[in-house]
Amino acid sequence: YQDDDKQNNKPVTNESQTNDKRIATNKNDKNVNKDIYQQIADAYNEVFPHLPQVVKVSQKRKSHIAASINEFKKDFGFDNADNWKSLFYHAAKSDYLMGKIKGWSMNFDFVINKTNLLKIIEGNYDNV
């Protein structure tokens, strides 16, 4: 996975948004933009209209997203919803993740889990 904007050395940030809206729902998400959770869910729903849609961003989901952000924000900018959206577009190219192989397809909970997210980033599900 290579973010196109990062390849072109264009940072994808919105400083005013990032600096104004901070929350701390637990120790893992002290510096996470409070709207990022819904922005990520909305990006998922937009990129994957054919998969089950995210209806509610529960506290458990927020916790998974915050852990993923904290793990990968430095290297992949996952504290920005646009970078998640780029990852979703990358995942959409995977026959395995889209259910074209074995009849299983990913869902939102699968992709926000930091272990699975790392596998997507590393290209484990890319078509060969």
N, C-alpha and C. Protein backbone atom coordinates (compact mmCIF):
# COMPACT_ATOMS: atom_id res chain seq x y z
N TYR A 1 0.84 -1.18 0.00
CA TYR A 1 0.00 0.00 0.00
C TYR A 1 0.88 1.23 0.00
N GLN A 2 0.66 2.08 -0.95
CA GLN A 2 1.36 3.35 -1.03
C GLN A 2 0.31 4.43 -1.24
N ASP A 3 0.24 5.38 -0.34
CA ASP A 3 -0.69 6.49 -0.50
C ASP A 3 -0.18 7.40 -1.60
N ASP A 4 -1.00 7.67 -2.61
CA ASP A 4 -0.59 8.48 -3.75
C ASP A 4 -0.12 9.86 -3.33
N ASP A 5 -0.82 10.49 -2.38
CA ASP A 5 -0.41 11.81 -1.95
C ASP A 5 0.94 11.78 -1.25
N LYS A 6 1.20 10.74 -0.48
CA LYS A 6 2.49 10.63 0.18
C LYS A 6 3.59 10.39 -0.84
N GLN A 7 3.30 9.61 -1.90
CA GLN A 7 4.29 9.37 -2.95
C GLN A 7 4.68 10.67 -3.62
N ASN A 8 3.71 11.57 -3.78
CA ASN A 8 3.96 12.84 -4.44
C ASN A 8 4.41 13.92 -3.47
N ASN A 9 4.72 13.50 -2.25
CA ASN A 9 5.19 14.40 -1.20
C ASN A 9 4.19 15.51 -0.86
N LYS A 10 2.90 15.22 -1.02
CA LYS A 10 1.87 16.17 -0.64
C LYS A 10 1.25 15.69 0.66
N PRO A 11 1.48 16.39 1.76
CA PRO A 11 0.85 15.96 3.00
C PRO A 11 -0.66 16.14 2.93
N VAL A 12 -1.37 15.19 3.49
CA VAL A 12 -2.82 15.26 3.52
C VAL A 12 -3.21 15.60 4.95
N THR A 13 -3.39 16.87 5.23
CA THR A 13 -3.76 17.29 6.58
C THR A 13 -4.73 18.44 6.52
N ASN A 14 -5.41 18.61 7.60
CA ASN A 14 -6.28 19.75 7.78
C ASN A 14 -5.99 20.24 9.19
N GLU A 15 -5.00 21.12 9.31
CA GLU A 15 -4.48 21.54 10.60
C GLU A 15 -5.54 22.15 11.50
N SER A 16 -6.38 23.03 10.95
CA SER A 16 -7.37 23.68 11.80
C SER A 16 -8.33 22.65 12.36
N GLN A 17 -8.74 21.70 11.54
CA GLN A 17 -9.65 20.66 12.00
C GLN A 17 -8.97 19.79 13.05
N THR A 18 -7.73 19.42 12.82
CA THR A 18 -7.01 18.57 13.73
C THR A 18 -6.78 19.26 15.07
N ASN A 19 -6.48 20.54 15.06
CA ASN A 19 -6.18 21.24 16.30
C ASN A 19 -7.40 21.64 17.10
N ASP A 20 -8.56 21.87 16.46
CA ASP A 20 -9.73 22.35 17.19
C ASP A 20 -10.50 21.28 17.93
N LYS A 21 -10.54 20.09 17.37
CA LYS A 21 -11.50 19.11 17.85
C LYS A 21 -10.80 17.88 18.41
N ARG A 22 -10.31 17.97 19.58
CA ARG A 22 -9.63 16.86 20.25
C ARG A 22 -10.53 16.32 21.36
N ILE A 23 -10.46 15.02 21.57
CA ILE A 23 -11.17 14.41 22.69
C ILE A 23 -10.29 13.37 23.34
N ALA A 24 -10.73 12.91 24.47
CA ALA A 24 -10.01 11.83 25.16
C ALA A 24 -11.06 10.88 25.73
N THR A 25 -11.44 9.87 24.95
CA THR A 25 -12.41 8.91 25.44
C THR A 25 -11.73 7.77 26.18
N ASN A 26 -10.46 7.54 25.91
CA ASN A 26 -9.66 6.61 26.70
C ASN A 26 -8.20 6.96 26.49
N LYS A 27 -7.33 6.25 27.18
CA LYS A 27 -5.91 6.61 27.12
C LYS A 27 -5.30 6.44 25.74
N ASN A 28 -5.90 5.64 24.85
CA ASN A 28 -5.34 5.41 23.52
C ASN A 28 -5.71 6.47 22.50
N ASP A 29 -6.71 7.29 22.78
CA ASP A 29 -7.14 8.22 21.74
C ASP A 29 -7.16 9.67 22.20
N LYS A 30 -6.21 10.04 23.05
CA LYS A 30 -6.11 11.40 23.57
C LYS A 30 -6.05 12.45 22.47
N ASN A 31 -5.32 12.17 21.41
CA ASN A 31 -5.07 13.17 20.38
C ASN A 31 -5.83 12.93 19.09
N VAL A 32 -6.89 12.18 19.15
CA VAL A 32 -7.65 11.85 17.95
C VAL A 32 -8.76 12.87 17.75
N ASN A 33 -8.86 13.39 16.55
CA ASN A 33 -9.92 14.32 16.17
C ASN A 33 -11.26 13.66 16.48
N LYS A 34 -12.15 14.36 17.20
CA LYS A 34 -13.39 13.71 17.64
C LYS A 34 -14.29 13.31 16.48
N ASP A 35 -14.16 13.94 15.33
CA ASP A 35 -14.99 13.59 14.20
C ASP A 35 -14.36 12.53 13.31
N ILE A 36 -13.13 12.16 13.57
CA ILE A 36 -12.43 11.22 12.69
C ILE A 36 -13.15 9.88 12.61
N TYR A 37 -13.75 9.45 13.70
CA TYR A 37 -14.43 8.15 13.71
C TYR A 37 -15.55 8.12 12.67
N GLN A 38 -16.39 9.14 12.69
CA GLN A 38 -17.49 9.19 11.73
C GLN A 38 -16.96 9.42 10.32
N GLN A 39 -15.92 10.22 10.18
CA GLN A 39 -15.33 10.46 8.85
C GLN A 39 -14.82 9.15 8.26
N ILE A 40 -14.20 8.32 9.07
CA ILE A 40 -13.69 7.03 8.59
C ILE A 40 -14.85 6.12 8.22
N ALA A 41 -15.88 6.07 9.05
CA ALA A 41 -17.06 5.26 8.74
C ALA A 41 -17.73 5.74 7.46
N ASP A 42 -17.85 7.05 7.29
CA ASP A 42 -18.46 7.60 6.07
C ASP A 42 -17.62 7.26 4.84
N ALA A 43 -16.30 7.33 4.97
CA ALA A 43 -15.42 6.97 3.85
C ALA A 43 -15.60 5.50 3.49
N TYR A 44 -15.67 4.64 4.50
CA TYR A 44 -15.89 3.20 4.26
C TYR A 44 -17.22 2.99 3.52
N ASN A 45 -18.28 3.62 4.02
CA ASN A 45 -19.59 3.46 3.38
C ASN A 45 -19.58 3.96 1.94
N GLU A 46 -18.83 5.01 1.67
CA GLU A 46 -18.75 5.55 0.32
C GLU A 46 -17.99 4.63 -0.63
N VAL A 47 -16.87 4.10 -0.16
CA VAL A 47 -16.03 3.26 -1.01
C VAL A 47 -16.64 1.87 -1.19
N PHE A 48 -17.36 1.38 -0.19
CA PHE A 48 -17.90 0.03 -0.22
C PHE A 48 -19.43 0.00 -0.10
N PRO A 49 -20.15 0.61 -1.05
CA PRO A 49 -21.62 0.61 -0.93
C PRO A 49 -22.23 -0.78 -1.05
N HIS A 50 -21.48 -1.72 -1.62
CA HIS A 50 -21.96 -3.08 -1.82
C HIS A 50 -21.71 -3.98 -0.60
N LEU A 51 -20.96 -3.49 0.38
CA LEU A 51 -20.72 -4.24 1.62
C LEU A 51 -21.66 -3.73 2.70
N PRO A 52 -21.83 -4.52 3.77
CA PRO A 52 -22.68 -4.02 4.87
C PRO A 52 -22.19 -2.64 5.35
N GLN A 53 -23.13 -1.71 5.47
CA GLN A 53 -22.80 -0.34 5.81
C GLN A 53 -22.65 -0.14 7.32
N VAL A 54 -21.81 0.79 7.68
CA VAL A 54 -21.63 1.17 9.08
C VAL A 54 -22.82 2.04 9.46
N VAL A 55 -23.56 1.61 10.46
CA VAL A 55 -24.72 2.36 10.92
C VAL A 55 -24.40 3.14 12.19
N LYS A 56 -23.57 2.55 13.04
CA LYS A 56 -23.23 3.19 14.31
C LYS A 56 -21.74 3.00 14.58
N VAL A 57 -21.10 4.06 15.01
CA VAL A 57 -19.70 3.98 15.41
C VAL A 57 -19.71 3.85 16.94
N SER A 58 -19.71 2.61 17.39
CA SER A 58 -19.79 2.32 18.82
C SER A 58 -18.49 2.67 19.53
N GLN A 59 -18.55 2.65 20.84
CA GLN A 59 -17.34 2.92 21.64
C GLN A 59 -16.27 1.87 21.35
N LYS A 60 -16.66 0.63 21.15
CA LYS A 60 -15.69 -0.43 20.83
C LYS A 60 -15.01 -0.13 19.49
N ARG A 61 -15.78 0.30 18.51
CA ARG A 61 -15.21 0.65 17.21
C ARG A 61 -14.28 1.86 17.35
N LYS A 62 -14.70 2.85 18.12
CA LYS A 62 -13.83 4.01 18.34
C LYS A 62 -12.51 3.60 18.96
N SER A 63 -12.57 2.65 19.87
CA SER A 63 -11.35 2.17 20.53
C SER A 63 -10.43 1.49 19.52
N HIS A 64 -11.00 0.67 18.62
CA HIS A 64 -10.19 0.01 17.58
C HIS A 64 -9.59 1.03 16.61
N ILE A 65 -10.39 2.01 16.22
CA ILE A 65 -9.90 3.05 15.31
C ILE A 65 -8.77 3.84 15.98
N ALA A 66 -8.99 4.22 17.24
CA ALA A 66 -7.97 4.99 17.97
C ALA A 66 -6.67 4.20 18.08
N ALA A 67 -6.76 2.91 18.36
CA ALA A 67 -5.55 2.08 18.45
C ALA A 67 -4.84 2.01 17.11
N SER A 68 -5.60 1.88 16.03
CA SER A 68 -5.01 1.85 14.69
C SER A 68 -4.38 3.19 14.34
N ILE A 69 -5.05 4.26 14.67
CA ILE A 69 -4.49 5.59 14.41
C ILE A 69 -3.18 5.76 15.15
N ASN A 70 -3.19 5.44 16.43
CA ASN A 70 -1.98 5.61 17.23
C ASN A 70 -0.84 4.74 16.73
N GLU A 71 -1.14 3.58 16.24
CA GLU A 71 -0.11 2.66 15.73
C GLU A 71 0.47 3.14 14.40
N PHE A 72 -0.38 3.70 13.52
CA PHE A 72 0.04 3.96 12.15
C PHE A 72 0.04 5.43 11.72
N LYS A 73 -0.26 6.35 12.62
CA LYS A 73 -0.34 7.75 12.19
C LYS A 73 1.00 8.30 11.74
N LYS A 74 2.07 7.91 12.38
CA LYS A 74 3.38 8.46 12.03
C LYS A 74 3.82 8.02 10.63
N ASP A 75 3.69 6.73 10.34
CA ASP A 75 4.17 6.21 9.06
C ASP A 75 3.17 6.36 7.91
N PHE A 76 1.88 6.36 8.22
CA PHE A 76 0.88 6.35 7.15
C PHE A 76 -0.16 7.46 7.26
N GLY A 77 -0.05 8.30 8.25
CA GLY A 77 -0.97 9.43 8.37
C GLY A 77 -2.40 9.03 8.63
N PHE A 78 -2.61 7.96 9.37
CA PHE A 78 -3.97 7.50 9.61
C PHE A 78 -4.72 8.30 10.67
N ASP A 79 -4.18 9.46 11.04
CA ASP A 79 -4.94 10.39 11.85
C ASP A 79 -5.72 11.34 10.94
N ASN A 80 -5.73 11.03 9.64
CA ASN A 80 -6.44 11.81 8.64
C ASN A 80 -7.36 10.86 7.86
N ALA A 81 -8.64 11.17 7.81
CA ALA A 81 -9.63 10.30 7.17
C ALA A 81 -9.36 10.08 5.68
N ASP A 82 -8.75 11.05 5.01
CA ASP A 82 -8.45 10.89 3.59
C ASP A 82 -7.46 9.74 3.36
N ASN A 83 -6.55 9.54 4.28
CA ASN A 83 -5.60 8.43 4.14
C ASN A 83 -6.27 7.09 4.37
N TRP A 84 -7.26 7.05 5.26
CA TRP A 84 -8.07 5.83 5.41
C TRP A 84 -8.83 5.55 4.11
N LYS A 85 -9.37 6.60 3.53
CA LYS A 85 -10.12 6.43 2.28
C LYS A 85 -9.22 5.87 1.18
N SER A 86 -7.98 6.35 1.11
CA SER A 86 -7.02 5.81 0.14
C SER A 86 -6.77 4.33 0.40
N LEU A 87 -6.67 3.98 1.67
CA LEU A 87 -6.49 2.57 2.02
C LEU A 87 -7.71 1.75 1.61
N PHE A 88 -8.91 2.30 1.82
CA PHE A 88 -10.12 1.59 1.42
C PHE A 88 -10.15 1.34 -0.08
N TYR A 89 -9.76 2.34 -0.86
CA TYR A 89 -9.70 2.15 -2.31
C TYR A 89 -8.68 1.06 -2.67
N HIS A 90 -7.59 1.04 -1.96
CA HIS A 90 -6.58 -0.02 -2.17
C HIS A 90 -7.19 -1.39 -1.85
N ALA A 91 -7.87 -1.50 -0.72
CA ALA A 91 -8.48 -2.76 -0.31
C ALA A 91 -9.56 -3.20 -1.30
N ALA A 92 -10.25 -2.24 -1.91
CA ALA A 92 -11.31 -2.56 -2.86
C ALA A 92 -10.79 -3.28 -4.10
N LYS A 93 -9.49 -3.20 -4.34
CA LYS A 93 -8.87 -3.90 -5.48
C LYS A 93 -8.57 -5.36 -5.17
N SER A 94 -8.72 -5.77 -3.93
CA SER A 94 -8.40 -7.13 -3.52
C SER A 94 -9.59 -8.06 -3.76
N ASP A 95 -9.39 -9.05 -4.61
CA ASP A 95 -10.44 -10.04 -4.85
C ASP A 95 -10.81 -10.77 -3.56
N TYR A 96 -9.83 -11.07 -2.73
CA TYR A 96 -10.08 -11.78 -1.48
C TYR A 96 -10.95 -10.94 -0.54
N LEU A 97 -10.55 -9.70 -0.31
CA LEU A 97 -11.29 -8.85 0.63
C LEU A 97 -12.68 -8.51 0.12
N MET A 98 -12.87 -8.52 -1.19
CA MET A 98 -14.17 -8.19 -1.78
C MET A 98 -15.06 -9.41 -1.97
N GLY A 99 -14.61 -10.57 -1.53
CA GLY A 99 -15.45 -11.75 -1.55
C GLY A 99 -15.48 -12.50 -2.86
N LYS A 100 -14.55 -12.21 -3.76
CA LYS A 100 -14.52 -12.90 -5.04
C LYS A 100 -13.83 -14.26 -4.93
N ILE A 101 -13.19 -14.49 -3.78
CA ILE A 101 -12.53 -15.77 -3.50
C ILE A 101 -13.11 -16.28 -2.18
N LYS A 102 -13.58 -17.49 -2.16
CA LYS A 102 -14.10 -18.14 -0.95
C LYS A 102 -15.41 -17.55 -0.44
N GLY A 103 -16.00 -16.58 -1.11
CA GLY A 103 -17.30 -16.07 -0.71
C GLY A 103 -17.33 -15.24 0.56
N TRP A 104 -16.20 -14.95 1.13
CA TRP A 104 -16.11 -14.12 2.34
C TRP A 104 -15.70 -12.72 1.92
N SER A 105 -16.23 -11.72 2.56
CA SER A 105 -15.76 -10.35 2.30
C SER A 105 -15.55 -9.64 3.62
N MET A 106 -14.64 -8.70 3.59
CA MET A 106 -14.35 -7.95 4.81
C MET A 106 -15.53 -7.08 5.20
N ASN A 107 -15.49 -6.62 6.43
CA ASN A 107 -16.46 -5.64 6.90
C ASN A 107 -15.70 -4.54 7.65
N PHE A 108 -16.40 -3.57 8.15
CA PHE A 108 -15.77 -2.43 8.80
C PHE A 108 -14.93 -2.87 10.01
N ASP A 109 -15.46 -3.77 10.80
CA ASP A 109 -14.73 -4.22 11.99
C ASP A 109 -13.43 -4.92 11.62
N PHE A 110 -13.42 -5.62 10.51
CA PHE A 110 -12.20 -6.29 10.04
C PHE A 110 -11.12 -5.26 9.70
N VAL A 111 -11.49 -4.23 8.96
CA VAL A 111 -10.49 -3.28 8.46
C VAL A 111 -9.99 -2.32 9.54
N ILE A 112 -10.77 -2.02 10.57
CA ILE A 112 -10.30 -1.10 11.60
C ILE A 112 -9.46 -1.80 12.66
N ASN A 113 -9.43 -3.12 12.64
CA ASN A 113 -8.58 -3.87 13.56
C ASN A 113 -7.13 -3.68 13.13
N LYS A 114 -6.27 -3.23 14.05
CA LYS A 114 -4.91 -2.85 13.64
C LYS A 114 -4.10 -4.03 13.11
N THR A 115 -4.38 -5.25 13.53
CA THR A 115 -3.68 -6.41 12.99
C THR A 115 -4.05 -6.62 11.53
N ASN A 116 -5.34 -6.55 11.23
CA ASN A 116 -5.80 -6.71 9.84
C ASN A 116 -5.38 -5.52 8.99
N LEU A 117 -5.43 -4.34 9.58
CA LEU A 117 -5.02 -3.14 8.86
C LEU A 117 -3.58 -3.23 8.41
N LEU A 118 -2.71 -3.73 9.28
CA LEU A 118 -1.31 -3.90 8.91
C LEU A 118 -1.16 -4.88 7.75
N LYS A 119 -1.94 -5.95 7.75
CA LYS A 119 -1.89 -6.91 6.65
C LYS A 119 -2.30 -6.26 5.33
N ILE A 120 -3.30 -5.39 5.38
CA ILE A 120 -3.73 -4.69 4.17
C ILE A 120 -2.62 -3.76 3.71
N ILE A 121 -2.03 -3.01 4.64
CA ILE A 121 -0.94 -2.09 4.32
C ILE A 121 0.23 -2.84 3.69
N GLU A 122 0.57 -3.99 4.26
CA GLU A 122 1.71 -4.76 3.78
C GLU A 122 1.43 -5.50 2.47
N GLY A 123 0.19 -5.49 2.02
CA GLY A 123 -0.13 -6.10 0.74
C GLY A 123 -0.46 -7.58 0.79
N ASN A 124 -0.75 -8.10 1.99
CA ASN A 124 -1.06 -9.52 2.12
C ASN A 124 -2.27 -9.96 1.31
N TYR A 125 -3.18 -9.05 1.05
CA TYR A 125 -4.41 -9.39 0.33
C TYR A 125 -4.42 -8.88 -1.11
N ASP A 126 -3.30 -8.31 -1.54
CA ASP A 126 -3.23 -7.82 -2.91
C ASP A 126 -3.34 -8.98 -3.90
N ASN A 127 -3.95 -8.72 -5.04
CA ASN A 127 -4.01 -9.73 -6.08
C ASN A 127 -2.60 -9.94 -6.61
N VAL A 128 -2.27 -11.18 -6.85
CA VAL A 128 -0.91 -11.48 -7.32
C VAL A 128 -0.87 -11.56 -8.82
